[in-house]
Structure formats: C-alpha cells, structure tokens
Protein backbone atom coordinates (compact mmCIF):
# COMPACT_ATOMS: atom_id res chain seq x y z
CA MET A 1 53.99 86.86 96.88
CA SER A 2 57.60 85.80 97.41
CA PRO A 3 60.11 88.20 99.02
CA GLN A 4 62.05 88.34 95.73
CA ASN A 5 58.93 89.36 93.81
CA GLU A 6 58.21 92.05 96.39
CA LEU A 7 61.70 93.46 95.91
CA SER A 8 61.32 93.45 92.14
CA LEU A 9 58.23 95.66 92.48
CA LEU A 10 60.03 98.38 94.43
CA THR A 11 60.77 101.59 92.55
CA PHE A 12 64.40 102.38 91.87
CA ARG A 13 64.41 105.32 94.29
CA ALA A 14 62.84 103.30 97.09
CA LEU A 15 65.33 100.49 96.52
CA CYS A 16 68.33 102.81 96.43
CA ASP A 17 67.25 104.59 99.62
CA ARG A 18 66.66 101.31 101.43
CA CYS A 19 70.04 99.96 100.30
CA HIS A 20 71.67 103.07 101.73
CA ARG A 21 69.89 102.72 105.08
CA GLU A 22 70.68 99.03 105.40
CA SER A 23 74.33 99.66 104.54
CA GLU A 24 74.56 102.32 107.23
CA ARG A 25 73.17 99.82 109.71
CA PHE A 26 75.73 97.24 108.58
CA PHE A 27 78.69 99.59 108.98
CA THR A 28 77.50 100.55 112.47
CA GLN A 29 77.20 96.84 113.34
CA GLN A 30 73.42 96.87 113.62
CA GLU A 31 71.03 94.25 112.36
CA ASN A 32 70.50 94.79 108.64
CA ASP A 33 68.86 93.33 105.56
CA PRO A 34 71.27 92.87 102.59
CA ARG A 35 68.53 91.94 100.11
CA PHE A 36 67.93 95.51 98.94
CA CYS A 37 71.52 96.15 97.86
CA TYR A 38 71.63 92.69 96.29
CA GLU A 39 68.52 93.54 94.26
CA LEU A 40 70.27 96.67 92.99
CA PHE A 41 73.20 94.54 91.83
CA ARG A 42 70.74 92.16 90.13
CA ARG A 43 69.05 94.99 88.26
CA ALA A 44 72.42 96.43 87.25
CA PHE A 45 73.96 93.22 85.92
CA VAL A 46 70.97 91.20 84.74
CA HIS A 47 68.95 94.08 83.30
CA GLY A 48 71.77 96.50 82.49
CA ASN A 49 70.15 99.19 84.64
CA ASP A 50 72.52 102.18 84.66
CA LEU A 51 70.61 103.91 87.47
CA ALA A 52 71.06 100.88 89.71
CA TRP A 53 74.78 100.74 88.92
CA ASN A 54 75.17 104.46 89.60
CA CYS A 55 73.48 104.04 92.97
CA LEU A 56 75.81 101.17 93.85
CA TYR A 57 78.83 103.18 92.75
CA HIS A 58 77.96 106.01 95.14
CA GLN A 59 77.01 103.57 97.88
CA TYR A 60 80.27 101.61 97.86
CA GLN A 61 82.90 104.08 96.66
CA LYS A 62 84.03 104.86 100.23
CA LEU A 63 84.39 101.15 100.93
CA VAL A 64 86.51 100.61 97.81
CA LEU A 65 88.62 103.66 98.63
CA SER A 66 89.34 102.17 102.05
CA TRP A 67 90.50 98.94 100.39
CA VAL A 68 92.74 100.94 98.07
CA THR A 69 94.40 103.08 100.74
CA ARG A 70 94.99 100.11 103.05
CA HIS A 71 96.54 97.99 100.29
CA THR A 72 100.24 97.30 100.81
CA LEU A 73 101.06 98.44 97.26
CA TYR A 74 99.23 101.76 97.40
CA LEU A 75 101.97 104.04 98.75
CA GLY A 76 104.41 102.96 96.05
CA LEU A 77 102.13 103.27 93.04
CA GLY A 78 102.18 107.06 92.72
CA GLU A 79 98.54 107.35 91.68
CA GLU A 80 95.42 108.81 93.31
CA ALA A 81 93.14 106.42 95.18
CA ASP A 82 90.17 107.51 93.04
CA TYR A 83 91.92 106.13 89.97
CA PHE A 84 92.08 102.60 91.40
CA MET A 85 88.55 102.88 92.77
CA ASN A 86 87.17 103.65 89.32
CA ARG A 87 89.25 100.90 87.69
CA ALA A 88 87.90 98.41 90.26
CA PHE A 89 84.28 99.26 89.47
CA GLU A 90 85.04 99.03 85.75
CA LYS A 91 86.66 95.63 86.17
CA MET A 92 83.67 94.35 88.13
CA TRP A 93 81.22 95.71 85.55
CA GLN A 94 83.11 94.00 82.73
CA GLY A 95 83.62 90.78 84.67
CA ILE A 96 80.03 89.73 85.37
CA PRO A 97 77.89 89.10 82.27
CA ALA A 98 74.16 88.76 82.91
CA GLU A 99 74.21 84.97 82.52
CA ASN A 100 76.84 84.62 85.26
CA PHE A 101 75.12 86.71 87.91
CA GLU A 102 73.50 83.64 89.45
CA LYS A 103 76.99 82.52 90.52
CA PHE A 104 76.81 85.24 93.17
CA PRO A 105 74.17 84.06 95.64
CA ASP A 106 74.28 86.98 98.05
CA LEU A 107 75.59 90.49 98.69
CA LYS A 108 78.64 89.19 100.54
CA SER A 109 79.85 87.27 97.49
CA LEU A 110 79.43 90.36 95.28
CA LEU A 111 81.38 92.60 97.62
CA ARG A 112 84.08 89.97 97.92
CA TYR A 113 84.38 89.99 94.13
CA LEU A 114 84.57 93.80 94.12
CA GLN A 115 87.41 93.60 96.65
CA MET A 116 89.19 91.07 94.43
CA CYS A 117 88.81 93.47 91.49
CA THR A 118 90.36 96.23 93.60
CA HIS A 119 93.36 94.06 94.40
CA ALA A 120 93.71 92.96 90.77
CA VAL A 121 93.80 96.46 89.27
CA MET A 122 96.44 97.55 91.79
CA VAL A 123 98.63 94.52 91.11
CA ASP A 124 98.29 95.06 87.35
CA PHE A 125 99.31 98.69 87.76
CA ALA A 126 102.31 97.68 89.87
CA ARG A 127 103.42 95.24 87.17
CA TRP A 128 103.11 97.90 84.51
CA LYS A 129 105.11 100.31 86.65
CA GLU A 130 107.72 97.63 87.28
CA GLN A 131 108.30 97.22 83.55
CA ALA A 132 108.55 100.97 82.95
CA HIS A 133 110.80 101.51 85.95
CA LEU A 134 113.25 98.77 85.07
CA TRP A 135 113.62 100.17 81.56
CA ASP A 136 114.33 103.60 83.04
CA ARG A 137 116.95 102.09 85.31
CA ALA A 138 118.68 100.43 82.38
CA LYS A 139 118.77 103.70 80.44
CA GLN A 140 120.15 105.63 83.40
CA SER A 141 122.74 103.09 84.48
CA SER A 142 126.12 104.50 83.52
CA ASN A 143 128.53 103.04 86.08
CA ASP A 144 128.93 99.86 88.08
CA ASP A 145 130.43 100.90 91.40
CA ASP A 146 129.15 99.10 94.50
CA ASP A 147 126.68 101.84 95.49
CA ALA A 148 125.07 101.93 92.04
CA TYR A 149 125.00 98.17 91.45
CA ASP A 150 121.74 97.25 89.77
CA PRO A 151 121.29 93.60 88.69
CA PHE A 152 118.30 94.54 86.53
CA ALA A 153 120.28 96.91 84.31
CA THR A 154 122.37 93.95 83.16
CA ILE A 155 119.50 92.37 81.26
CA MET A 156 117.36 95.48 80.60
CA ASP A 157 119.46 96.72 77.68
CA PRO A 158 117.66 99.78 76.22
CA THR A 159 119.34 99.23 72.83
CA MET A 160 117.97 95.71 72.43
CA ARG A 161 116.17 95.02 69.16
CA PRO A 162 112.34 94.86 69.41
CA GLU A 163 112.22 91.21 68.36
CA ARG A 164 114.13 90.28 71.52
CA THR A 165 111.94 92.12 74.01
CA ILE A 166 109.72 89.08 74.70
CA ALA A 167 112.73 86.96 75.61
CA GLN A 168 113.94 89.85 77.71
CA ARG A 169 110.73 89.92 79.74
CA GLU A 170 111.07 86.19 80.34
CA MET A 171 114.61 86.75 81.58
CA GLN A 172 113.32 89.45 83.91
CA GLN A 173 110.90 86.98 85.49
CA ILE A 174 113.67 84.43 85.90
CA LEU A 175 115.86 87.14 87.44
CA TRP A 176 113.22 87.84 90.07
CA GLN A 177 113.03 84.15 90.89
CA ARG A 178 116.79 83.98 91.33
CA LEU A 179 116.85 87.09 93.51
CA ASN A 180 114.04 85.75 95.67
CA GLU A 181 115.99 82.53 96.15
CA LEU A 182 118.96 84.58 97.38
CA CYS A 183 116.88 86.48 99.94
CA ASN A 184 117.57 85.16 103.43
CA SER A 185 114.52 86.75 105.02
CA GLU A 186 111.20 88.45 104.38
CA LYS A 187 112.89 91.70 105.38
CA GLU A 188 115.37 91.40 102.50
CA HIS A 189 112.57 90.61 100.07
CA LEU A 190 110.58 93.68 101.15
CA ALA A 191 113.61 95.96 100.92
CA ILE A 192 114.61 94.80 97.43
CA HIS A 193 111.06 94.77 96.07
CA GLY A 194 110.36 98.22 97.49
CA TYR A 195 113.60 99.69 96.16
CA PHE A 196 113.81 98.19 92.67
CA VAL A 197 110.18 97.53 91.72
CA LEU A 198 108.13 100.12 93.61
CA ASP A 199 110.89 102.75 93.34
CA LEU A 200 110.53 103.73 96.99
CA LYS A 201 113.05 105.61 99.09
CA PRO A 202 114.30 103.89 102.28
CA ARG A 203 112.06 106.10 104.44
CA GLN A 204 109.02 105.18 102.35
CA ILE A 205 109.86 101.48 102.61
CA TYR A 206 110.19 101.85 106.38
CA GLU A 207 106.83 103.62 106.63
CA LEU A 208 105.19 100.89 104.56
CA TYR A 209 106.75 97.97 106.45
CA ASN A 210 107.73 99.49 109.81
CA GLY A 211 106.95 96.22 111.53
CA GLN A 212 109.85 94.59 109.66
CA PHE A 213 112.59 97.21 110.06
CA GLU A 214 114.10 98.88 113.13
CA ASP A 215 114.47 102.25 111.42
CA VAL A 216 115.22 103.87 108.05
CA ARG A 217 118.90 102.97 108.29
CA ASP A 218 117.95 99.33 108.74
CA VAL A 219 116.21 99.46 105.34
CA SER A 220 119.31 100.82 103.62
CA ARG A 221 121.57 98.40 105.47
CA THR A 222 119.39 95.44 104.49
CA LYS A 223 119.38 96.47 100.83
CA ASP A 224 123.13 97.15 100.71
CA ASN A 225 124.04 93.89 102.45
CA PHE A 226 121.84 91.93 100.06
CA LEU A 227 123.35 93.53 96.95
CA ALA A 228 126.88 93.03 98.28
CA ARG A 229 126.14 89.35 98.82
CA VAL A 230 124.63 89.06 95.33
CA ARG A 231 127.74 90.57 93.75
CA ARG A 232 129.89 87.95 95.46
CA ASN A 233 127.65 85.08 94.35
CA ASP A 234 129.46 83.33 91.49
CA ASP A 235 126.38 81.42 90.31
CA PHE A 236 124.33 84.60 90.08
CA GLN A 237 127.05 86.49 88.23
CA GLU A 238 127.34 83.61 85.77
CA PHE A 239 123.57 83.77 85.27
CA LEU A 240 123.81 87.49 84.42
CA GLU A 241 126.66 86.90 81.99
CA ASP A 242 124.61 84.26 80.16
CA ALA A 243 121.43 86.40 80.12
C-alpha cells in the first residue's frame, strides 16, 4: 500500500493529532513529517471536510497571527490581529477550488499561499482605509497655512458629484505617483505614507520605522521639509490646479 493510501485510511482524530505533533517538532527545529498536515489540507479542499479545516485553523492560527503582528502595515491599520487572521483563512478557503489543489505539491507551498493571503488582506484593508482617510481629510480641511498644507485635500473635494468619483480616484493614484517622484529618499516616502495614508502620529511612524529615523523629531522634520519643497514646486502646483 502506498504512503498516500495509508494516510487516507487514518481517522480524522488520528490525523489531526499527528499533524499537531509534527508541527510542534517543526517549530522546535526537530525532524518532522509534513505529510499529515498536508493530508488534512487535501481533505479540507478536495473533499470539503469541515472538520479537517477546523483542525488546520486551530493548528495554524498562531502562525498567521505572528505574520499579522510582524507586518509593516499592522500598527497603522487600527484593527485587531484576529480580524486579519480570520480574513486570511477565509481568503485561502475561497481561493483554492478542489480542482486546483494539485497545484500545491506540498505543505510548504500551502503555507506560503496562506502567508500571501495574510499579506493581501492587510494591503486591501490599508487601501480601503486610505480612501476613507483621504475623504475625511478633504472634509476637515478648512485652511491652507503651511502647517496644515495637505496636497490630497486639493483633489478630494467632498462636494464632488458622484459621477466624477471614478475620475477622482484615478487622479488620486496619479497624485501618489507624482509625490513618490518628488521624494528624495526612502525616509521621506515612509514619513509621507505613514502620515497621510496610515494616519500615524510622528511617534508611531518612528516606532514603526525606527531604523530610518534618528528620533521622533526627525520624522516631523522630514515630513515638514518634504511638504515645504512640494509647495515650492511649480510643476506640482500646476498639476494640482489642473486636477
């Protein structure tokens, strides 16, 4: 009898327990056999076995949580880690129909896909938050002194008619491209992205990227210097006027 056939004859409980033991051995850097966890994935996706999927969820939730909390976007998203963990499992479940399971030849490829799902749901959430945050900034923008200068408020007009919102989103993407072109360093890009998109305070940006900034004041100084340079850039101001 082939090893695969032997695995298919194991009871669910025996398979789940063995997957757990082999995973513990893997995480303690001991020799381990990944076939048992892979068989659980096969039963879950090919046969739609809810018990197998539930076992995998409990087996790998700590791993997914570690991916979430170590992600560079996490601190700025304002949501619990469990939320992204659950969305990642949902995305994986929806992303692998039974006929496509054979594209994943081993456990490593399945876990790599789960990690990709984790990254994807966090990026999608950040994009959604970016849209909501920029609209809030446009609504709240009531003056244009140097300290309050916000290039996004220029094109995020809250009174714009609904039929123009698609064009507005396209302009927002172009705006980001132009701002990125004006950044002279990775440090400027991180400061501007953290401040305008992730809605982080200078201290939060420093804690997230402390390898890039000397201190909290360096974050504020970087942001202020960038915005001052943008305001003096004739080409950029002409772009905003035409937006």
